[in-house]
Amino acid sequence: MEKANLDILWVYLSTSPLAGLTLTLLAYLFAYWLQNKTQAHPLANTVLVSVVIIVIALQVTSTSYQDYFEGAQFIHFLLGPATVALAVPLYRQLGDVKQYLLPVFLAVTIGIVAGTISIVWISKLLGADFATQMSLSVRSVTAPVAMGIADKIGGIASLSVVMVLITGILGAMFGGQILRLLGVRSEMIIAIAMGNNSHGIGTARAFTINQRKGAYAALAMAMAVVINALLLPWLVTLL
């Protein structure tokens, strides 16, 4: 009887937009469980694990991305509010971080300028066309903002989202280790670098370590969003 009920449930889910929503939630719950079991190991990144599970599930069930997104768009909609909600833990740590507002602002601005110039020039040397160069230039901005900037400067929004995802995952997985290998020991500096370069995914990773580190990452990410939105369209015209 239970198997029959499960079969009926699966048939219903597979033919409705709820399939994408259910798959996304289950994939994340497993990824979150795995992260806790491995004591937040960098390779057990919740976004990476969730993406792998979803891709495999779509391939096995021959489900198109369009059909999947009919349900997953509800979670996609929450991406913006979730980003804004990072202001809450930042506010709670405001007394600690406000003394570093100017250094963080300067560091984020320099990082954005250096990162944009390097990625545009490298992609140009490798033969990428103008649209690809512009799409890559917004790789370190959180996805909703990256899509808007990419459209404005002549990039491809969908390609920008892919690069944002890859940059965030790689930064969250290896950013801290690379900086420590380079001799960086300050957890505050590492958190700022992760928030600036790996946006929401890097910030979420910082929060798994402690609230203070997450607050610095959130501050850097928030500044990066504003500075990128204001500076990037002007900067790319000079390149």
Foldseek 3Di string as FASTA:
>chain_A
DVVVVVVVVVVVLVVDQVVLVVLLVVQLVVLVVVCVVVVNALVSQSVVSSVVSVVVVCVVVVNDPVSNCSNVVVVVVCLVVVLVVLVVLLVVCVVVCVVCLVVLLVVLLVVLLVQLVVQLVVCVVVPHDPQCSLLLSLLQAPLVLSLVSSVVQNHDSVSNNVSVSVQLSCCLRCVVVVVVVVPDDDLLVSLLVNLSRNNPSSLVSLVSVDSNSSSSSSSNNVSNSVCCNPPVSVSVVVD
